[in-house]
């Protein structure tokens, strides 16, 4: 048997990375994500540097685009279109436009189209076939007509409602 002091049974030696390689990549990771740093002061300092560099980069890019735009004459500059929900929406065949022929036809034939066009509604007041207490019923119908403009009173008699409304 091999003795415990035998060098062959010892685990292989792990080589430590050089300071130039892994540390450089580690520092890039820290700058982008300083949450791995345990020291609060150092973390704040690195994050402040990151924010400052980001702000300066943004300012520099803005100035470059402004200078590039100044070189182009005003009439040749591209028109900047403001981004809205409507013009950013992806075209979809299920969305119906307001000026579509089918929508216009539906609006014309709709039973409530007169209401939406603002036309005055027709109001008809009538009684039952056998008005009980005819004097009070007719007085009530007269009050309703006075309350509602353009209301019309028609005595029911032996007519059906469909016949009265078609006249």
C-alpha atoms as a PDB file:
ATOM      1  CA  UNK A   1       0.000   0.000   0.000  1.00  0.00           C
ATOM      2  CA  UNK A   2       0.993   3.517  -0.570  1.00  0.00           C
ATOM      3  CA  UNK A   3       1.829   5.628   2.375  1.00  0.00           C
ATOM      4  CA  UNK A   4      -0.169   8.804   3.061  1.00  0.00           C
ATOM      5  CA  UNK A   5       2.961  10.839   2.539  1.00  0.00           C
ATOM      6  CA  UNK A   6       3.236   9.630  -1.026  1.00  0.00           C
ATOM      7  CA  UNK A   7       3.304  12.542  -3.461  1.00  0.00           C
ATOM      8  CA  UNK A   8       1.370  10.615  -6.102  1.00  0.00           C
ATOM      9  CA  UNK A   9      -1.809  10.606  -4.000  1.00  0.00           C
ATOM     10  CA  UNK A  10      -1.676  14.349  -3.290  1.00  0.00           C
ATOM     11  CA  UNK A  11      -4.213  16.479  -5.189  1.00  0.00           C
ATOM     12  CA  UNK A  12      -2.866  18.361  -8.183  1.00  0.00           C
ATOM     13  CA  UNK A  13      -1.722  21.891  -7.484  1.00  0.00           C
ATOM     14  CA  UNK A  14      -4.142  24.623  -8.613  1.00  0.00           C
ATOM     15  CA  UNK A  15      -2.427  27.423 -10.444  1.00  0.00           C
ATOM     16  CA  UNK A  16      -3.499  30.907  -9.408  1.00  0.00           C
ATOM     17  CA  UNK A  17      -4.414  33.273 -12.230  1.00  0.00           C
ATOM     18  CA  UNK A  18      -2.090  36.127 -12.942  1.00  0.00           C
ATOM     19  CA  UNK A  19      -3.169  39.590 -11.796  1.00  0.00           C
ATOM     20  CA  UNK A  20      -3.266  40.992 -15.302  1.00  0.00           C
ATOM     21  CA  UNK A  21      -5.927  38.611 -16.702  1.00  0.00           C
ATOM     22  CA  UNK A  22      -8.792  37.832 -14.319  1.00  0.00           C
ATOM     23  CA  UNK A  23      -8.554  41.046 -12.339  1.00  0.00           C
ATOM     24  CA  UNK A  24      -9.083  43.158 -15.453  1.00  0.00           C
ATOM     25  CA  UNK A  25     -12.228  41.246 -16.408  1.00  0.00           C
ATOM     26  CA  UNK A  26     -13.370  41.299 -12.784  1.00  0.00           C
ATOM     27  CA  UNK A  27     -13.040  45.095 -12.672  1.00  0.00           C
ATOM     28  CA  UNK A  28     -15.156  45.443 -15.839  1.00  0.00           C
ATOM     29  CA  UNK A  29     -17.836  43.300 -14.244  1.00  0.00           C
ATOM     30  CA  UNK A  30     -17.684  45.387 -11.084  1.00  0.00           C
ATOM     31  CA  UNK A  31     -18.098  48.650 -12.977  1.00  0.00           C
ATOM     32  CA  UNK A  32     -21.189  47.340 -14.757  1.00  0.00           C
ATOM     33  CA  UNK A  33     -22.584  45.630 -11.645  1.00  0.00           C
ATOM     34  CA  UNK A  34     -21.123  47.009  -8.401  1.00  0.00           C
ATOM     35  CA  UNK A  35     -23.584  45.087  -6.222  1.00  0.00           C
ATOM     36  CA  UNK A  36     -20.988  42.355  -5.732  1.00  0.00           C
ATOM     37  CA  UNK A  37     -18.717  44.699  -3.731  1.00  0.00           C
ATOM     38  CA  UNK A  38     -19.214  44.260  -0.010  1.00  0.00           C
ATOM     39  CA  UNK A  39     -17.620  47.533   1.079  1.00  0.00           C
ATOM     40  CA  UNK A  40     -20.391  50.110   0.963  1.00  0.00           C
ATOM     41  CA  UNK A  41     -18.122  53.132   0.494  1.00  0.00           C
ATOM     42  CA  UNK A  42     -16.184  51.519  -2.350  1.00  0.00           C
ATOM     43  CA  UNK A  43     -19.447  50.391  -3.978  1.00  0.00           C
ATOM     44  CA  UNK A  44     -20.827  53.956  -3.829  1.00  0.00           C
ATOM     45  CA  UNK A  45     -17.605  55.339  -5.255  1.00  0.00           C
ATOM     46  CA  UNK A  46     -17.541  52.908  -8.191  1.00  0.00           C
ATOM     47  CA  UNK A  47     -21.232  53.447  -8.928  1.00  0.00           C
ATOM     48  CA  UNK A  48     -20.754  57.234  -8.880  1.00  0.00           C
ATOM     49  CA  UNK A  49     -17.887  56.884 -11.391  1.00  0.00           C
ATOM     50  CA  UNK A  50     -20.084  54.685 -13.571  1.00  0.00           C
ATOM     51  CA  UNK A  51     -22.983  57.172 -13.520  1.00  0.00           C
ATOM     52  CA  UNK A  52     -20.655  60.106 -14.260  1.00  0.00           C
ATOM     53  CA  UNK A  53     -19.053  58.303 -17.214  1.00  0.00           C
ATOM     54  CA  UNK A  54     -22.480  57.354 -18.547  1.00  0.00           C
ATOM     55  CA  UNK A  55     -23.728  60.953 -18.250  1.00  0.00           C
ATOM     56  CA  UNK A  56     -20.627  62.342 -19.998  1.00  0.00           C
ATOM     57  CA  UNK A  57     -20.971  59.779 -22.788  1.00  0.00           C
ATOM     58  CA  UNK A  58     -24.619  60.724 -23.308  1.00  0.00           C
ATOM     59  CA  UNK A  59     -23.761  64.438 -23.360  1.00  0.00           C
ATOM     60  CA  UNK A  60     -20.941  63.853 -25.850  1.00  0.00           C
ATOM     61  CA  UNK A  61     -23.232  61.857 -28.173  1.00  0.00           C
ATOM     62  CA  UNK A  62     -25.891  64.596 -27.987  1.00  0.00           C
ATOM     63  CA  UNK A  63     -23.338  67.272 -28.906  1.00  0.00           C
ATOM     64  CA  UNK A  64     -22.071  65.172 -31.832  1.00  0.00           C
ATOM     65  CA  UNK A  65     -25.564  64.732 -33.270  1.00  0.00           C
ATOM     66  CA  UNK A  66     -26.286  68.433 -32.779  1.00  0.00           C
ATOM     67  CA  UNK A  67     -23.100  69.383 -34.673  1.00  0.00           C
ATOM     68  CA  UNK A  68     -23.944  66.906 -37.439  1.00  0.00           C
ATOM     69  CA  UNK A  69     -27.439  68.420 -37.783  1.00  0.00           C
ATOM     70  CA  UNK A  70     -26.040  71.972 -37.934  1.00  0.00           C
ATOM     71  CA  UNK A  71     -23.923  71.023 -40.969  1.00  0.00           C
ATOM     72  CA  UNK A  72     -27.051  70.048 -42.947  1.00  0.00           C
ATOM     73  CA  UNK A  73     -29.228  72.911 -44.294  1.00  0.00           C
ATOM     74  CA  UNK A  74     -32.671  73.210 -42.665  1.00  0.00           C
ATOM     75  CA  UNK A  75     -34.674  72.365 -45.780  1.00  0.00           C
ATOM     76  CA  UNK A  76     -32.683  69.117 -46.287  1.00  0.00           C
ATOM     77  CA  UNK A  77     -32.897  67.906 -42.683  1.00  0.00           C
ATOM     78  CA  UNK A  78     -35.063  64.831 -42.121  1.00  0.00           C
ATOM     79  CA  UNK A  79     -38.342  65.562 -40.342  1.00  0.00           C
ATOM     80  CA  UNK A  80     -38.431  64.064 -36.864  1.00  0.00           C
ATOM     81  CA  UNK A  81     -41.711  62.240 -36.283  1.00  0.00           C
ATOM     82  CA  UNK A  82     -42.802  62.037 -32.681  1.00  0.00           C
ATOM     83  CA  UNK A  83     -43.260  58.472 -31.461  1.00  0.00           C
ATOM     84  CA  UNK A  84     -46.818  57.788 -30.351  1.00  0.00           C
ATOM     85  CA  UNK A  85     -48.795  54.655 -29.633  1.00  0.00           C
ATOM     86  CA  UNK A  86     -50.649  55.026 -32.918  1.00  0.00           C
ATOM     87  CA  UNK A  87     -47.661  55.368 -35.229  1.00  0.00           C
ATOM     88  CA  UNK A  88     -45.638  52.737 -33.337  1.00  0.00           C
ATOM     89  CA  UNK A  89     -48.439  50.155 -33.634  1.00  0.00           C
ATOM     90  CA  UNK A  90     -47.766  47.204 -35.901  1.00  0.00           C
ATOM     91  CA  UNK A  91     -50.238  47.018 -38.786  1.00  0.00           C
ATOM     92  CA  UNK A  92     -52.915  44.424 -38.078  1.00  0.00           C
ATOM     93  CA  UNK A  93     -55.609  43.291 -40.497  1.00  0.00           C
ATOM     94  CA  UNK A  94     -58.180  42.938 -37.696  1.00  0.00           C
ATOM     95  CA  UNK A  95     -58.073  46.667 -36.923  1.00  0.00           C
ATOM     96  CA  UNK A  96     -60.782  48.536 -38.809  1.00  0.00           C
ATOM     97  CA  UNK A  97     -60.264  52.105 -39.977  1.00  0.00           C
ATOM     98  CA  UNK A  98     -62.988  54.715 -39.390  1.00  0.00           C
ATOM     99  CA  UNK A  99     -63.229  55.593 -43.091  1.00  0.00           C
ATOM    100  CA  UNK A 100     -63.741  51.951 -44.114  1.00  0.00           C
ATOM    101  CA  UNK A 101     -66.738  51.412 -46.424  1.00  0.00           C
ATOM    102  CA  UNK A 102     -68.135  48.556 -44.337  1.00  0.00           C
ATOM    103  CA  UNK A 103     -68.031  50.612 -41.140  1.00  0.00           C
ATOM    104  CA  UNK A 104     -69.835  53.509 -42.819  1.00  0.00           C
ATOM    105  CA  UNK A 105     -72.583  51.171 -44.104  1.00  0.00           C
ATOM    106  CA  UNK A 106     -73.009  49.642 -40.643  1.00  0.00           C
ATOM    107  CA  UNK A 107     -73.338  53.083 -39.081  1.00  0.00           C
ATOM    108  CA  UNK A 108     -75.987  54.081 -41.622  1.00  0.00           C
ATOM    109  CA  UNK A 109     -78.126  50.970 -41.101  1.00  0.00           C
ATOM    110  CA  UNK A 110     -77.793  50.844 -37.320  1.00  0.00           C
ATOM    111  CA  UNK A 111     -81.056  51.255 -35.398  1.00  0.00           C
ATOM    112  CA  UNK A 112     -79.455  53.912 -33.187  1.00  0.00           C
ATOM    113  CA  UNK A 113     -77.924  55.878 -36.065  1.00  0.00           C
ATOM    114  CA  UNK A 114     -80.599  58.598 -35.801  1.00  0.00           C
ATOM    115  CA  UNK A 115     -79.681  59.119 -32.152  1.00  0.00           C
ATOM    116  CA  UNK A 116     -75.962  59.411 -32.895  1.00  0.00           C
ATOM    117  CA  UNK A 117     -76.656  61.835 -35.742  1.00  0.00           C
ATOM    118  CA  UNK A 118     -78.489  64.062 -33.252  1.00  0.00           C
ATOM    119  CA  UNK A 119     -81.941  63.782 -34.811  1.00  0.00           C
ATOM    120  CA  UNK A 120     -84.959  64.516 -32.630  1.00  0.00           C
ATOM    121  CA  UNK A 121     -86.624  61.217 -31.570  1.00  0.00           C
ATOM    122  CA  UNK A 122     -90.278  60.510 -32.277  1.00  0.00           C
ATOM    123  CA  UNK A 123     -92.293  59.968 -29.090  1.00  0.00           C
ATOM    124  CA  UNK A 124     -95.714  58.362 -29.086  1.00  0.00           C
ATOM    125  CA  UNK A 125     -98.009  58.270 -26.044  1.00  0.00           C
ATOM    126  CA  UNK A 126    -100.965  55.901 -26.064  1.00  0.00           C
ATOM    127  CA  UNK A 127    -103.286  54.121 -23.639  1.00  0.00           C
ATOM    128  CA  UNK A 128    -104.321  50.527 -23.195  1.00  0.00           C
ATOM    129  CA  UNK A 129    -107.203  49.116 -25.246  1.00  0.00           C
ATOM    130  CA  UNK A 130    -109.606  49.483 -22.357  1.00  0.00           C
ATOM    131  CA  UNK A 131    -108.417  52.516 -20.436  1.00  0.00           C
ATOM    132  CA  UNK A 132    -109.748  52.098 -16.891  1.00  0.00           C
ATOM    133  CA  UNK A 133    -110.659  55.437 -15.414  1.00  0.00           C
ATOM    134  CA  UNK A 134    -110.371  57.020 -18.818  1.00  0.00           C
ATOM    135  CA  UNK A 135    -110.578  60.548 -17.480  1.00  0.00           C
ATOM    136  CA  UNK A 136    -107.492  60.198 -15.258  1.00  0.00           C
ATOM    137  CA  UNK A 137    -105.596  58.165 -17.879  1.00  0.00           C
ATOM    138  CA  UNK A 138    -106.125  60.802 -20.560  1.00  0.00           C
ATOM    139  CA  UNK A 139    -105.146  63.579 -18.123  1.00  0.00           C
ATOM    140  CA  UNK A 140    -101.921  61.696 -17.331  1.00  0.00           C
ATOM    141  CA  UNK A 141    -101.217  61.237 -21.062  1.00  0.00           C
ATOM    142  CA  UNK A 142    -101.783  64.972 -21.582  1.00  0.00           C
ATOM    143  CA  UNK A 143     -99.256  65.788 -18.831  1.00  0.00           C
ATOM    144  CA  UNK A 144     -96.706  63.465 -20.460  1.00  0.00           C
ATOM    145  CA  UNK A 145     -97.181  65.236 -23.776  1.00  0.00           C
ATOM    146  CA  UNK A 146     -96.622  68.599 -22.069  1.00  0.00           C
ATOM    147  CA  UNK A 147     -93.411  67.300 -20.465  1.00  0.00           C
ATOM    148  CA  UNK A 148     -91.875  65.876 -23.641  1.00  0.00           C
ATOM    149  CA  UNK A 149     -91.508  68.116 -26.693  1.00  0.00           C
ATOM    150  CA  UNK A 150     -92.671  66.707 -30.031  1.00  0.00           C
ATOM    151  CA  UNK A 151     -94.634  63.912 -28.289  1.00  0.00           C
ATOM    152  CA  UNK A 152     -97.752  62.703 -30.044  1.00  0.00           C
ATOM    153  CA  UNK A 153    -100.864  61.186 -28.428  1.00  0.00           C
ATOM    154  CA  UNK A 154    -102.765  58.483 -30.280  1.00  0.00           C
ATOM    155  CA  UNK A 155    -105.857  56.766 -28.867  1.00  0.00           C
ATOM    156  CA  UNK A 156    -105.340  53.032 -28.836  1.00  0.00           C
ATOM    157  CA  UNK A 157    -108.892  51.803 -29.466  1.00  0.00           C
ATOM    158  CA  UNK A 158    -108.710  48.337 -31.091  1.00  0.00           C
ATOM    159  CA  UNK A 159    -105.416  48.875 -32.966  1.00  0.00           C
ATOM    160  CA  UNK A 160    -102.239  46.884 -32.389  1.00  0.00           C
ATOM    161  CA  UNK A 161     -99.103  48.809 -31.417  1.00  0.00           C
ATOM    162  CA  UNK A 162     -97.414  47.790 -34.706  1.00  0.00           C
ATOM    163  CA  UNK A 163    -100.267  49.290 -36.710  1.00  0.00           C
ATOM    164  CA  UNK A 164    -100.114  52.559 -34.768  1.00  0.00           C
ATOM    165  CA  UNK A 165     -96.335  52.939 -35.101  1.00  0.00           C
ATOM    166  CA  UNK A 166     -96.357  52.308 -38.849  1.00  0.00           C
ATOM    167  CA  UNK A 167     -98.808  55.165 -39.411  1.00  0.00           C
END
